[in-house]
Amino acid sequence: MNIDQLNSRYGAPGRIVFRPGHCGYPNVVLANKYGTAEIALLGANVLSYRPTGHAEVIFRPSKRDYNRGESFHGGIPVCFPQFGNRFSKELPQHGFARAMPFEVAASEYSDEMTEVTLVLRSDEATRATWPHDFSLEIKVSVSMKLNLTMTATNTGKEQFGFSCGFHPYILLRERDGATVKGLDGFSFFNGVAGKDDRQTGDLVMDHPTDHIFTLPSSPRHEFAVIDSGLRRAVAIASSGNDRVVVWNPGAECRIPDFDEDSWRRFVCVEPVSDWPDGRVLEPGGKYVLAAAIQSTMEATNETAQAQS
C-alpha cells in the first residue's frame, strides 16, 4: 500500500498518521493525550517516543536515514531470529528482521490508547537466510507508557530454534551521569572482559559496558535508568525474557551511524530471550516478548528507589 492507502485504511486524523520514511517505506506516527511515537515500517523500529510534557526518551543518531540491509543503531530495533551473533553464525548480527519491511496488519485507538500492529512473514527473501516459515508480529501502542509486544509464530511444519529481543536506546544527557537500577545481585556475562561476574548494587554507567544478565524466574522484570543530567527516571518493565543486556560501547566505538560523542548520549537496556542457545518453537507454537517504557521527570532518590 502507498501512504494514501495506508492512511485511508489504517489512519485516524490526529491519532495515526502514515508519512514518508526510509528507503521508500512509510513511517507511522501514533499520538494521543499521553504522547507521541514514530515507528518505521522498515524494521518495525520505534524511532521516537515523547511523552506529553517530557523530553524525547529514545536516542536516534545523527544519520537520519538507513538502507535496507544496513544496521541502524538507534531507536528500538527488533532482534529476530537471533540476538547478537552467538546463536547462529549463519545469520546477521541481531538477525534480519530489523532490516526487513513490515506490513501493517491493524490499527486501533481509544481515549486511553493508540496502537499499530505490524507483521513480517517468511518469504523467499527470509528463507534465503533462514529456511523456516514464521510470522513475526510487532504491536506498538502509546498509553501512559510506550508498550511493545513481539509475537513469534511457527507457521511451518518443522520446529525451529531462535532467540530474540528488543534493543531500546535510552537517551541520556551524559552517560557518566546515568545509573541502571534493579540489577543488584544478578549474575552476568561481561562481554567487555569476556568473563562471568555478579552485580553488586546499582550499575553506574561510567565505563564501557556489555553485560548480559541472567534473570530469576519471574512473570515480570523491572529496571530503571536514572539520568542525573536530565533529572529523569526511565522505567523499563518486561515479560517473557530470561536475560537483560545493558550496553554502552564507550569512546572507542566506531559505528558509522554515530557522531564522535554519540556514545555519551545513550544506554541500552535490552529485554532478551534465550541467549545464546535459543529456544525451540514447535509447528503452530507462539512466543511472546513484551516491554513497556515510562518516563518520570524530576527524579529524586525516593523516585529512583520506587522505580527499581
C-alpha atoms as a PDB file:
ATOM      1  CA  MET A   1       0.000   0.000   0.000  1.00  0.00           C
ATOM      2  CA  ASN A   2       1.104   3.565  -0.600  1.00  0.00           C
ATOM      3  CA  ILE A   3       0.845   6.250   2.065  1.00  0.00           C
ATOM      4  CA  ASP A   4      -2.583   7.477   0.940  1.00  0.00           C
ATOM      5  CA  GLN A   5      -3.957   3.935   1.034  1.00  0.00           C
ATOM      6  CA  LEU A   6      -2.452   3.296   4.482  1.00  0.00           C
ATOM      7  CA  ASN A   7      -3.947   6.498   5.856  1.00  0.00           C
ATOM      8  CA  SER A   8      -7.325   5.661   4.335  1.00  0.00           C
ATOM      9  CA  ARG A   9      -7.426   2.121   5.726  1.00  0.00           C
ATOM     10  CA  TYR A  10      -5.460   2.336   8.984  1.00  0.00           C
ATOM     11  CA  GLY A  11      -5.087   6.036   9.743  1.00  0.00           C
ATOM     12  CA  ALA A  12      -7.060   8.298  12.053  1.00  0.00           C
ATOM     13  CA  PRO A  13      -6.624  12.098  11.808  1.00  0.00           C
ATOM     14  CA  GLY A  14      -4.516  13.382  14.662  1.00  0.00           C
ATOM     15  CA  ARG A  15      -4.068   9.879  16.095  1.00  0.00           C
ATOM     16  CA  ILE A  16      -2.496   7.544  13.497  1.00  0.00           C
ATOM     17  CA  VAL A  17      -0.724   9.125  10.532  1.00  0.00           C
ATOM     18  CA  PHE A  18       1.464   7.485   7.882  1.00  0.00           C
ATOM     19  CA  ARG A  19       4.143   9.615   6.235  1.00  0.00           C
ATOM     20  CA  PRO A  20       7.305   9.154   4.125  1.00  0.00           C
ATOM     21  CA  GLY A  21      10.046   7.225   5.890  1.00  0.00           C
ATOM     22  CA  HIS A  22      13.211   5.355   4.903  1.00  0.00           C
ATOM     23  CA  CYS A  23      14.134   3.777   1.548  1.00  0.00           C
ATOM     24  CA  GLY A  24      10.652   4.378   0.170  1.00  0.00           C
ATOM     25  CA  TYR A  25       8.910   2.720   3.129  1.00  0.00           C
ATOM     26  CA  PRO A  26       6.500   4.725   5.289  1.00  0.00           C
ATOM     27  CA  ASN A  27       6.744   5.633   8.950  1.00  0.00           C
ATOM     28  CA  VAL A  28       3.682   5.751  11.189  1.00  0.00           C
ATOM     29  CA  VAL A  29       3.139   8.334  13.937  1.00  0.00           C
ATOM     30  CA  LEU A  30       0.947   7.474  16.926  1.00  0.00           C
ATOM     31  CA  ALA A  31      -0.412  10.343  19.047  1.00  0.00           C
ATOM     32  CA  ASN A  32      -2.801  10.943  21.915  1.00  0.00           C
ATOM     33  CA  LYS A  33      -3.031  12.923  25.137  1.00  0.00           C
ATOM     34  CA  TYR A  34      -0.209  10.858  26.669  1.00  0.00           C
ATOM     35  CA  GLY A  35       2.415  11.443  23.977  1.00  0.00           C
ATOM     36  CA  THR A  36       3.678  10.517  20.524  1.00  0.00           C
ATOM     37  CA  ALA A  37       5.737   7.751  18.968  1.00  0.00           C
ATOM     38  CA  GLU A  38       7.091   7.258  15.452  1.00  0.00           C
ATOM     39  CA  ILE A  39       7.715   3.791  14.027  1.00  0.00           C
ATOM     40  CA  ALA A  40       9.467   2.877  10.784  1.00  0.00           C
ATOM     41  CA  LEU A  41       7.770   0.143   8.777  1.00  0.00           C
ATOM     42  CA  LEU A  42      11.300  -0.756   7.678  1.00  0.00           C
ATOM     43  CA  GLY A  43      12.346  -2.964  10.576  1.00  0.00           C
ATOM     44  CA  ALA A  44       9.375  -2.052  12.833  1.00  0.00           C
ATOM     45  CA  ASN A  45      11.890   0.214  14.575  1.00  0.00           C
ATOM     46  CA  VAL A  46      10.460   2.705  17.088  1.00  0.00           C
ATOM     47  CA  LEU A  47      12.371   5.860  16.165  1.00  0.00           C
ATOM     48  CA  SER A  48      10.914   8.263  18.708  1.00  0.00           C
ATOM     49  CA  TYR A  49       8.867   8.326  21.906  1.00  0.00           C
ATOM     50  CA  ARG A  50       7.974  11.596  23.561  1.00  0.00           C
ATOM     51  CA  PRO A  51       5.521  11.627  26.465  1.00  0.00           C
ATOM     52  CA  THR A  52       3.439  14.786  26.728  1.00  0.00           C
ATOM     53  CA  GLY A  53       5.360  17.446  28.630  1.00  0.00           C
ATOM     54  CA  HIS A  54       8.578  15.411  28.605  1.00  0.00           C
ATOM     55  CA  ALA A  55      11.772  15.372  26.614  1.00  0.00           C
ATOM     56  CA  GLU A  56      12.440  12.717  23.966  1.00  0.00           C
ATOM     57  CA  VAL A  57      13.103   9.315  25.556  1.00  0.00           C
ATOM     58  CA  ILE A  58      14.727   7.449  22.650  1.00  0.00           C
ATOM     59  CA  PHE A  59      18.213   8.130  21.268  1.00  0.00           C
ATOM     60  CA  ARG A  60      18.438   8.438  17.497  1.00  0.00           C
ATOM     61  CA  PRO A  61      21.802   9.019  15.764  1.00  0.00           C
ATOM     62  CA  SER A  62      22.579  11.940  13.502  1.00  0.00           C
ATOM     63  CA  LYS A  63      22.408   9.625  10.494  1.00  0.00           C
ATOM     64  CA  ARG A  64      18.703  10.135   9.840  1.00  0.00           C
ATOM     65  CA  ASP A  65      18.319   7.604   7.054  1.00  0.00           C
ATOM     66  CA  TYR A  66      19.337   3.991   6.666  1.00  0.00           C
ATOM     67  CA  ASN A  67      19.326   1.475   3.857  1.00  0.00           C
ATOM     68  CA  ARG A  68      17.646  -1.894   3.742  1.00  0.00           C
ATOM     69  CA  GLY A  69      20.300  -4.395   4.728  1.00  0.00           C
ATOM     70  CA  GLU A  70      22.219  -1.951   6.921  1.00  0.00           C
ATOM     71  CA  SER A  71      22.156  -1.816  10.701  1.00  0.00           C
ATOM     72  CA  PHE A  72      20.593   1.242  12.317  1.00  0.00           C
ATOM     73  CA  HIS A  73      21.970   1.952  15.778  1.00  0.00           C
ATOM     74  CA  GLY A  74      19.220   3.919  17.463  1.00  0.00           C
ATOM     75  CA  GLY A  75      15.525   3.791  18.267  1.00  0.00           C
ATOM     76  CA  ILE A  76      14.259   0.397  19.437  1.00  0.00           C
ATOM     77  CA  PRO A  77      15.431  -2.178  16.877  1.00  0.00           C
ATOM     78  CA  VAL A  78      13.760  -5.597  16.728  1.00  0.00           C
ATOM     79  CA  CYS A  79      16.216  -8.514  17.056  1.00  0.00           C
ATOM     80  CA  PHE A  80      14.954 -11.720  15.367  1.00  0.00           C
ATOM     81  CA  PRO A  81      15.627 -14.607  14.752  1.00  0.00           C
ATOM     82  CA  GLN A  82      18.682 -14.099  16.880  1.00  0.00           C
ATOM     83  CA  PHE A  83      20.010 -11.644  19.409  1.00  0.00           C
ATOM     84  CA  GLY A  84      23.710 -10.891  18.947  1.00  0.00           C
ATOM     85  CA  ASN A  85      25.607 -13.450  16.894  1.00  0.00           C
ATOM     86  CA  ARG A  86      26.284 -16.365  19.230  1.00  0.00           C
ATOM     87  CA  PHE A  87      23.146 -18.371  18.444  1.00  0.00           C
ATOM     88  CA  SER A  88      23.959 -18.742  14.734  1.00  0.00           C
ATOM     89  CA  LYS A  89      26.963 -17.605  12.699  1.00  0.00           C
ATOM     90  CA  GLU A  90      24.837 -18.092   9.576  1.00  0.00           C
ATOM     91  CA  LEU A  91      22.546 -15.189  10.492  1.00  0.00           C
ATOM     92  CA  PRO A  92      23.336 -11.461  10.561  1.00  0.00           C
ATOM     93  CA  GLN A  93      24.140  -9.793  13.874  1.00  0.00           C
ATOM     94  CA  HIS A  94      20.787  -9.430  15.703  1.00  0.00           C
ATOM     95  CA  GLY A  95      19.022 -11.238  12.861  1.00  0.00           C
ATOM     96  CA  PHE A  96      17.387  -9.874   9.731  1.00  0.00           C
ATOM     97  CA  ALA A  97      14.021  -8.521  10.943  1.00  0.00           C
ATOM     98  CA  ARG A  98      15.399  -5.047  11.724  1.00  0.00           C
ATOM     99  CA  ALA A  99      16.316  -4.611   8.046  1.00  0.00           C
ATOM    100  CA  MET A 100      13.102  -6.022   6.535  1.00  0.00           C
ATOM    101  CA  PRO A 101       9.902  -4.141   5.560  1.00  0.00           C
ATOM    102  CA  PHE A 102       6.887  -4.934   7.746  1.00  0.00           C
ATOM    103  CA  GLU A 103       3.266  -4.790   6.647  1.00  0.00           C
ATOM    104  CA  VAL A 104       0.506  -3.026   8.569  1.00  0.00           C
ATOM    105  CA  ALA A 105      -1.895  -5.618   9.980  1.00  0.00           C
ATOM    106  CA  ALA A 106      -4.166  -3.462  12.160  1.00  0.00           C
ATOM    107  CA  SER A 107      -4.583  -0.163  13.981  1.00  0.00           C
ATOM    108  CA  GLU A 108      -6.751   0.857  16.902  1.00  0.00           C
ATOM    109  CA  TYR A 109      -7.359   3.808  19.176  1.00  0.00           C
ATOM    110  CA  SER A 110      -9.451   4.851  22.139  1.00  0.00           C
ATOM    111  CA  ASP A 111      -9.418   7.682  24.660  1.00  0.00           C
ATOM    112  CA  GLU A 112      -6.583   5.938  26.530  1.00  0.00           C
ATOM    113  CA  MET A 113      -4.518   4.222  23.824  1.00  0.00           C
ATOM    114  CA  THR A 114      -3.270   4.494  20.231  1.00  0.00           C
ATOM    115  CA  GLU A 115      -1.876   1.331  18.622  1.00  0.00           C
ATOM    116  CA  VAL A 116      -0.496  -0.147  15.401  1.00  0.00           C
ATOM    117  CA  THR A 117       0.269  -3.782  14.609  1.00  0.00           C
ATOM    118  CA  LEU A 118       2.997  -4.631  12.088  1.00  0.00           C
ATOM    119  CA  VAL A 119       3.839  -8.071  10.740  1.00  0.00           C
ATOM    120  CA  LEU A 120       6.738  -9.748   8.940  1.00  0.00           C
ATOM    121  CA  ARG A 121       6.058 -13.111   7.295  1.00  0.00           C
ATOM    122  CA  SER A 122       8.522 -15.568   5.854  1.00  0.00           C
ATOM    123  CA  ASP A 123       9.067 -15.306   2.110  1.00  0.00           C
ATOM    124  CA  GLU A 124      11.776 -16.044  -0.434  1.00  0.00           C
ATOM    125  CA  ALA A 125      13.985 -13.265   0.947  1.00  0.00           C
ATOM    126  CA  THR A 126      13.874 -14.522   4.542  1.00  0.00           C
ATOM    127  CA  ARG A 127      14.185 -18.193   3.552  1.00  0.00           C
ATOM    128  CA  ALA A 128      17.366 -17.390   1.639  1.00  0.00           C
ATOM    129  CA  THR A 129      18.916 -16.507   5.001  1.00  0.00           C
ATOM    130  CA  TRP A 130      16.881 -18.670   7.398  1.00  0.00           C
ATOM    131  CA  PRO A 131      14.948 -21.630   5.926  1.00  0.00           C
ATOM    132  CA  HIS A 132      11.898 -21.566   8.200  1.00  0.00           C
ATOM    133  CA  ASP A 133       8.275 -20.428   7.949  1.00  0.00           C
ATOM    134  CA  PHE A 134       7.226 -17.891  10.556  1.00  0.00           C
ATOM    135  CA  SER A 135       5.165 -14.848  11.367  1.00  0.00           C
ATOM    136  CA  LEU A 136       6.597 -12.034  13.489  1.00  0.00           C
ATOM    137  CA  GLU A 137       4.051  -9.557  14.835  1.00  0.00           C
ATOM    138  CA  ILE A 138       5.148  -6.287  16.455  1.00  0.00           C
ATOM    139  CA  LYS A 139       2.487  -4.327  18.308  1.00  0.00           C
ATOM    140  CA  VAL A 140       3.315  -0.784  19.456  1.00  0.00           C
ATOM    141  CA  SER A 141       0.977   1.383  21.497  1.00  0.00           C
ATOM    142  CA  VAL A 142       1.094   4.724  23.265  1.00  0.00           C
ATOM    143  CA  SER A 143      -0.822   4.980  26.519  1.00  0.00           C
ATOM    144  CA  MET A 144       0.576   6.236  29.808  1.00  0.00           C
ATOM    145  CA  LYS A 145       3.573   4.156  28.673  1.00  0.00           C
ATOM    146  CA  LEU A 146       5.143   3.070  25.420  1.00  0.00           C
ATOM    147  CA  ASN A 147       4.150  -0.584  25.064  1.00  0.00           C
ATOM    148  CA  LEU A 148       5.819  -3.118  22.749  1.00  0.00           C
ATOM    149  CA  THR A 149       4.852  -6.728  22.115  1.00  0.00           C
ATOM    150  CA  MET A 150       6.665  -9.200  19.871  1.00  0.00           C
ATOM    151  CA  THR A 151       4.826 -12.396  18.934  1.00  0.00           C
ATOM    152  CA  ALA A 152       6.746 -15.053  17.002  1.00  0.00           C
ATOM    153  CA  THR A 153       4.705 -17.894  15.473  1.00  0.00           C
ATOM    154  CA  ASN A 154       5.967 -21.031  13.779  1.00  0.00           C
ATOM    155  CA  THR A 155       3.775 -21.262  10.675  1.00  0.00           C
ATOM    156  CA  GLY A 156       5.689 -24.184   9.170  1.00  0.00           C
ATOM    157  CA  LYS A 157       5.661 -27.952   9.578  1.00  0.00           C
ATOM    158  CA  GLU A 158       9.011 -28.290  11.344  1.00  0.00           C
ATOM    159  CA  GLN A 159      10.317 -26.937  14.632  1.00  0.00           C
ATOM    160  CA  PHE A 160      12.937 -24.190  14.647  1.00  0.00           C
ATOM    161  CA  GLY A 161      15.275 -22.600  17.155  1.00  0.00           C
ATOM    162  CA  PHE A 162      15.684 -18.848  17.625  1.00  0.00           C
ATOM    163  CA  SER A 163      16.486 -16.076  20.058  1.00  0.00           C
ATOM    164  CA  CYS A 164      15.162 -12.531  20.041  1.00  0.00           C
ATOM    165  CA  GLY A 165      14.955  -9.218  21.859  1.00  0.00           C
ATOM    166  CA  PHE A 166      14.110  -5.535  21.877  1.00  0.00           C
ATOM    167  CA  HIS A 167      17.098  -3.168  21.764  1.00  0.00           C
ATOM    168  CA  PRO A 168      15.985   0.186  23.280  1.00  0.00           C
ATOM    169  CA  TYR A 169      18.448   3.083  23.130  1.00  0.00           C
ATOM    170  CA  ILE A 170      17.538   5.289  26.108  1.00  0.00           C
ATOM    171  CA  LEU A 171      18.519   8.925  25.559  1.00  0.00           C
ATOM    172  CA  LEU A 172      20.842  10.472  28.173  1.00  0.00           C
ATOM    173  CA  ARG A 173      22.247  13.924  28.832  1.00  0.00           C
ATOM    174  CA  GLU A 174      25.612  12.312  29.654  1.00  0.00           C
ATOM    175  CA  ARG A 175      26.395   8.607  30.062  1.00  0.00           C
ATOM    176  CA  ASP A 176      28.661   9.127  33.090  1.00  0.00           C
ATOM    177  CA  GLY A 177      25.723  10.680  34.962  1.00  0.00           C
ATOM    178  CA  ALA A 178      23.488   7.621  34.492  1.00  0.00           C
ATOM    179  CA  THR A 179      22.761   4.621  36.715  1.00  0.00           C
ATOM    180  CA  VAL A 180      20.803   1.448  35.971  1.00  0.00           C
ATOM    181  CA  LYS A 181      18.824   0.117  38.930  1.00  0.00           C
ATOM    182  CA  GLY A 182      17.176  -3.240  39.507  1.00  0.00           C
ATOM    183  CA  LEU A 183      20.201  -5.475  38.807  1.00  0.00           C
ATOM    184  CA  ASP A 184      21.686  -5.896  42.278  1.00  0.00           C
ATOM    185  CA  GLY A 185      22.701  -9.497  42.958  1.00  0.00           C
ATOM    186  CA  PHE A 186      22.201 -10.760  39.396  1.00  0.00           C
ATOM    187  CA  SER A 187      24.895 -12.809  37.683  1.00  0.00           C
ATOM    188  CA  PHE A 188      26.024 -11.656  34.253  1.00  0.00           C
ATOM    189  CA  PHE A 189      28.431 -12.327  31.422  1.00  0.00           C
ATOM    190  CA  ASN A 190      30.776  -9.382  30.960  1.00  0.00           C
ATOM    191  CA  GLY A 191      31.194  -9.101  27.210  1.00  0.00           C
ATOM    192  CA  VAL A 192      33.916  -6.455  27.549  1.00  0.00           C
ATOM    193  CA  ALA A 193      36.101  -8.533  29.884  1.00  0.00           C
ATOM    194  CA  GLY A 194      34.950 -11.898  28.493  1.00  0.00           C
ATOM    195  CA  LYS A 195      34.119 -13.416  31.875  1.00  0.00           C
ATOM    196  CA  ASP A 196      31.249 -14.199  34.240  1.00  0.00           C
ATOM    197  CA  ASP A 197      30.563 -11.835  37.133  1.00  0.00           C
ATOM    198  CA  ARG A 198      27.902 -10.756  39.636  1.00  0.00           C
ATOM    199  CA  GLN A 199      26.428  -7.282  40.080  1.00  0.00           C
ATOM    200  CA  THR A 200      26.661  -5.597  43.473  1.00  0.00           C
ATOM    201  CA  GLY A 201      24.482  -2.519  43.944  1.00  0.00           C
ATOM    202  CA  ASP A 202      23.417  -0.251  41.096  1.00  0.00           C
ATOM    203  CA  LEU A 203      25.197  -0.351  37.744  1.00  0.00           C
ATOM    204  CA  VAL A 204      26.953   3.006  37.330  1.00  0.00           C
ATOM    205  CA  MET A 205      27.403   3.793  33.632  1.00  0.00           C
ATOM    206  CA  ASP A 206      30.865   5.372  33.792  1.00  0.00           C
ATOM    207  CA  HIS A 207      32.654   2.739  31.689  1.00  0.00           C
ATOM    208  CA  PRO A 208      32.113   0.671  28.517  1.00  0.00           C
ATOM    209  CA  THR A 209      29.506  -1.969  29.292  1.00  0.00           C
ATOM    210  CA  ASP A 210      28.266  -5.111  27.556  1.00  0.00           C
ATOM    211  CA  HIS A 211      26.638  -7.045  30.398  1.00  0.00           C
ATOM    212  CA  ILE A 212      24.241  -9.938  29.714  1.00  0.00           C
ATOM    213  CA  PHE A 213      22.318 -10.503  32.952  1.00  0.00           C
ATOM    214  CA  THR A 214      20.582 -13.786  33.764  1.00  0.00           C
ATOM    215  CA  LEU A 215      17.205 -13.039  35.331  1.00  0.00           C
ATOM    216  CA  PRO A 216      15.421 -15.016  38.030  1.00  0.00           C
ATOM    217  CA  SER A 217      12.234 -16.824  37.061  1.00  0.00           C
ATOM    218  CA  SER A 218       9.501 -14.192  37.256  1.00  0.00           C
ATOM    219  CA  PRO A 219       6.471 -13.168  35.182  1.00  0.00           C
ATOM    220  CA  ARG A 220       7.692  -9.572  35.140  1.00  0.00           C
ATOM    221  CA  HIS A 221      11.060  -7.799  35.361  1.00  0.00           C
ATOM    222  CA  GLU A 222      11.563  -4.118  36.224  1.00  0.00           C
ATOM    223  CA  PHE A 223      14.559  -1.819  35.795  1.00  0.00           C
ATOM    224  CA  ALA A 224      15.149   1.926  35.762  1.00  0.00           C
ATOM    225  CA  VAL A 225      17.647   4.249  34.122  1.00  0.00           C
ATOM    226  CA  ILE A 226      18.326   7.224  36.397  1.00  0.00           C
ATOM    227  CA  ASP A 227      19.714  10.182  34.440  1.00  0.00           C
ATOM    228  CA  SER A 228      21.000  12.921  36.737  1.00  0.00           C
ATOM    229  CA  GLY A 229      21.663  15.223  33.772  1.00  0.00           C
ATOM    230  CA  LEU A 230      18.056  15.215  32.590  1.00  0.00           C
ATOM    231  CA  ARG A 231      16.683  14.743  36.125  1.00  0.00           C
ATOM    232  CA  ARG A 232      14.667  11.827  34.861  1.00  0.00           C
ATOM    233  CA  ALA A 233      13.948   8.173  35.606  1.00  0.00           C
ATOM    234  CA  VAL A 234      13.038   5.879  32.715  1.00  0.00           C
ATOM    235  CA  ALA A 235      11.372   2.689  33.920  1.00  0.00           C
ATOM    236  CA  ILE A 236      11.586  -0.439  31.752  1.00  0.00           C
ATOM    237  CA  ALA A 237       9.336  -3.401  32.512  1.00  0.00           C
ATOM    238  CA  SER A 238       9.450  -6.636  30.536  1.00  0.00           C
ATOM    239  CA  SER A 239       7.966 -10.121  30.422  1.00  0.00           C
ATOM    240  CA  GLY A 240       8.826 -13.274  28.502  1.00  0.00           C
ATOM    241  CA  ASN A 241      12.579 -12.650  28.720  1.00  0.00           C
ATOM    242  CA  ASP A 242      15.185 -14.519  30.733  1.00  0.00           C
ATOM    243  CA  ARG A 243      18.008 -12.057  30.036  1.00  0.00           C
ATOM    244  CA  VAL A 244      18.529  -8.320  30.018  1.00  0.00           C
ATOM    245  CA  VAL A 245      21.510  -6.700  28.332  1.00  0.00           C
ATOM    246  CA  VAL A 246      22.974  -3.347  29.385  1.00  0.00           C
ATOM    247  CA  TRP A 247      25.207  -1.871  26.686  1.00  0.00           C
ATOM    248  CA  ASN A 248      27.225   1.240  26.020  1.00  0.00           C
ATOM    249  CA  PRO A 249      30.342   0.882  23.834  1.00  0.00           C
ATOM    250  CA  GLY A 250      32.363   3.832  25.178  1.00  0.00           C
ATOM    251  CA  ALA A 251      34.695   6.224  23.402  1.00  0.00           C
ATOM    252  CA  GLU A 252      36.440   3.567  21.304  1.00  0.00           C
ATOM    253  CA  CYS A 253      33.190   2.851  19.456  1.00  0.00           C
ATOM    254  CA  ARG A 254      33.392   3.217  15.666  1.00  0.00           C
ATOM    255  CA  ILE A 255      29.846   2.866  14.337  1.00  0.00           C
ATOM    256  CA  PRO A 256      29.050   4.687  11.060  1.00  0.00           C
ATOM    257  CA  ASP A 257      25.679   5.952  12.347  1.00  0.00           C
ATOM    258  CA  PHE A 258      27.316   7.722  15.292  1.00  0.00           C
ATOM    259  CA  ASP A 259      28.932  11.085  15.750  1.00  0.00           C
ATOM    260  CA  GLU A 260      32.192  11.065  17.683  1.00  0.00           C
ATOM    261  CA  ASP A 261      30.445  11.629  21.015  1.00  0.00           C
ATOM    262  CA  SER A 262      27.206   9.686  20.370  1.00  0.00           C
ATOM    263  CA  TRP A 263      28.250   7.055  22.916  1.00  0.00           C
ATOM    264  CA  ARG A 264      27.825   9.669  25.651  1.00  0.00           C
ATOM    265  CA  ARG A 265      24.124  10.086  24.899  1.00  0.00           C
ATOM    266  CA  PHE A 266      22.567   6.671  25.439  1.00  0.00           C
ATOM    267  CA  VAL A 267      22.427   3.443  27.356  1.00  0.00           C
ATOM    268  CA  CYS A 268      20.721   0.334  26.005  1.00  0.00           C
ATOM    269  CA  VAL A 269      18.659  -1.798  28.400  1.00  0.00           C
ATOM    270  CA  GLU A 270      17.513  -4.736  26.287  1.00  0.00           C
ATOM    271  CA  PRO A 271      14.964  -7.462  27.143  1.00  0.00           C
ATOM    272  CA  VAL A 272      16.368 -10.624  25.539  1.00  0.00           C
ATOM    273  CA  SER A 273      15.054 -14.167  25.291  1.00  0.00           C
ATOM    274  CA  ASP A 274      17.127 -17.344  25.333  1.00  0.00           C
ATOM    275  CA  TRP A 275      20.628 -16.004  24.756  1.00  0.00           C
ATOM    276  CA  PRO A 276      22.833 -17.559  23.481  1.00  0.00           C
ATOM    277  CA  ASP A 277      21.423 -21.071  22.947  1.00  0.00           C
ATOM    278  CA  GLY A 278      17.939 -20.121  21.725  1.00  0.00           C
ATOM    279  CA  ARG A 279      14.556 -21.727  22.284  1.00  0.00           C
ATOM    280  CA  VAL A 280      12.699 -24.240  20.157  1.00  0.00           C
ATOM    281  CA  LEU A 281       9.303 -23.374  18.711  1.00  0.00           C
ATOM    282  CA  GLU A 282       7.155 -26.268  17.551  1.00  0.00           C
ATOM    283  CA  PRO A 283       4.840 -26.013  14.495  1.00  0.00           C
ATOM    284  CA  GLY A 284       1.938 -23.759  15.420  1.00  0.00           C
ATOM    285  CA  GLY A 285       3.740 -22.609  18.564  1.00  0.00           C
ATOM    286  CA  LYS A 286       3.881 -18.979  19.699  1.00  0.00           C
ATOM    287  CA  TYR A 287       6.298 -16.991  21.820  1.00  0.00           C
ATOM    288  CA  VAL A 288       5.549 -13.537  23.264  1.00  0.00           C
ATOM    289  CA  LEU A 289       8.044 -10.933  24.488  1.00  0.00           C
ATOM    290  CA  ALA A 290       6.681  -7.684  25.918  1.00  0.00           C
ATOM    291  CA  ALA A 291       8.226  -4.447  27.157  1.00  0.00           C
ATOM    292  CA  ALA A 292       6.941  -1.126  28.469  1.00  0.00           C
ATOM    293  CA  ILE A 293       8.841   2.149  28.850  1.00  0.00           C
ATOM    294  CA  GLN A 294       7.733   5.026  31.075  1.00  0.00           C
ATOM    295  CA  SER A 295       9.464   8.330  31.792  1.00  0.00           C
ATOM    296  CA  THR A 296       9.262  10.184  35.112  1.00  0.00           C
ATOM    297  CA  MET A 297      10.740  13.680  35.352  1.00  0.00           C
ATOM    298  CA  GLU A 298      12.422  15.318  38.358  1.00  0.00           C
ATOM    299  CA  ALA A 299      13.722  12.002  39.650  1.00  0.00           C
ATOM    300  CA  THR A 300      14.715  12.129  43.309  1.00  0.00           C
ATOM    301  CA  ASN A 301      16.330   9.424  45.400  1.00  0.00           C
ATOM    302  CA  GLU A 302      12.857   8.346  46.542  1.00  0.00           C
ATOM    303  CA  THR A 303      11.662   8.171  42.917  1.00  0.00           C
ATOM    304  CA  ALA A 304      14.700   6.135  41.898  1.00  0.00           C
ATOM    305  CA  GLN A 305      14.089   3.655  44.714  1.00  0.00           C
ATOM    306  CA  ALA A 306      10.427   3.320  43.737  1.00  0.00           C
ATOM    307  CA  GLN A 307      11.347   2.628  40.120  1.00  0.00           C
ATOM    308  CA  SER A 308      13.954  -0.049  40.916  1.00  0.00           C
END
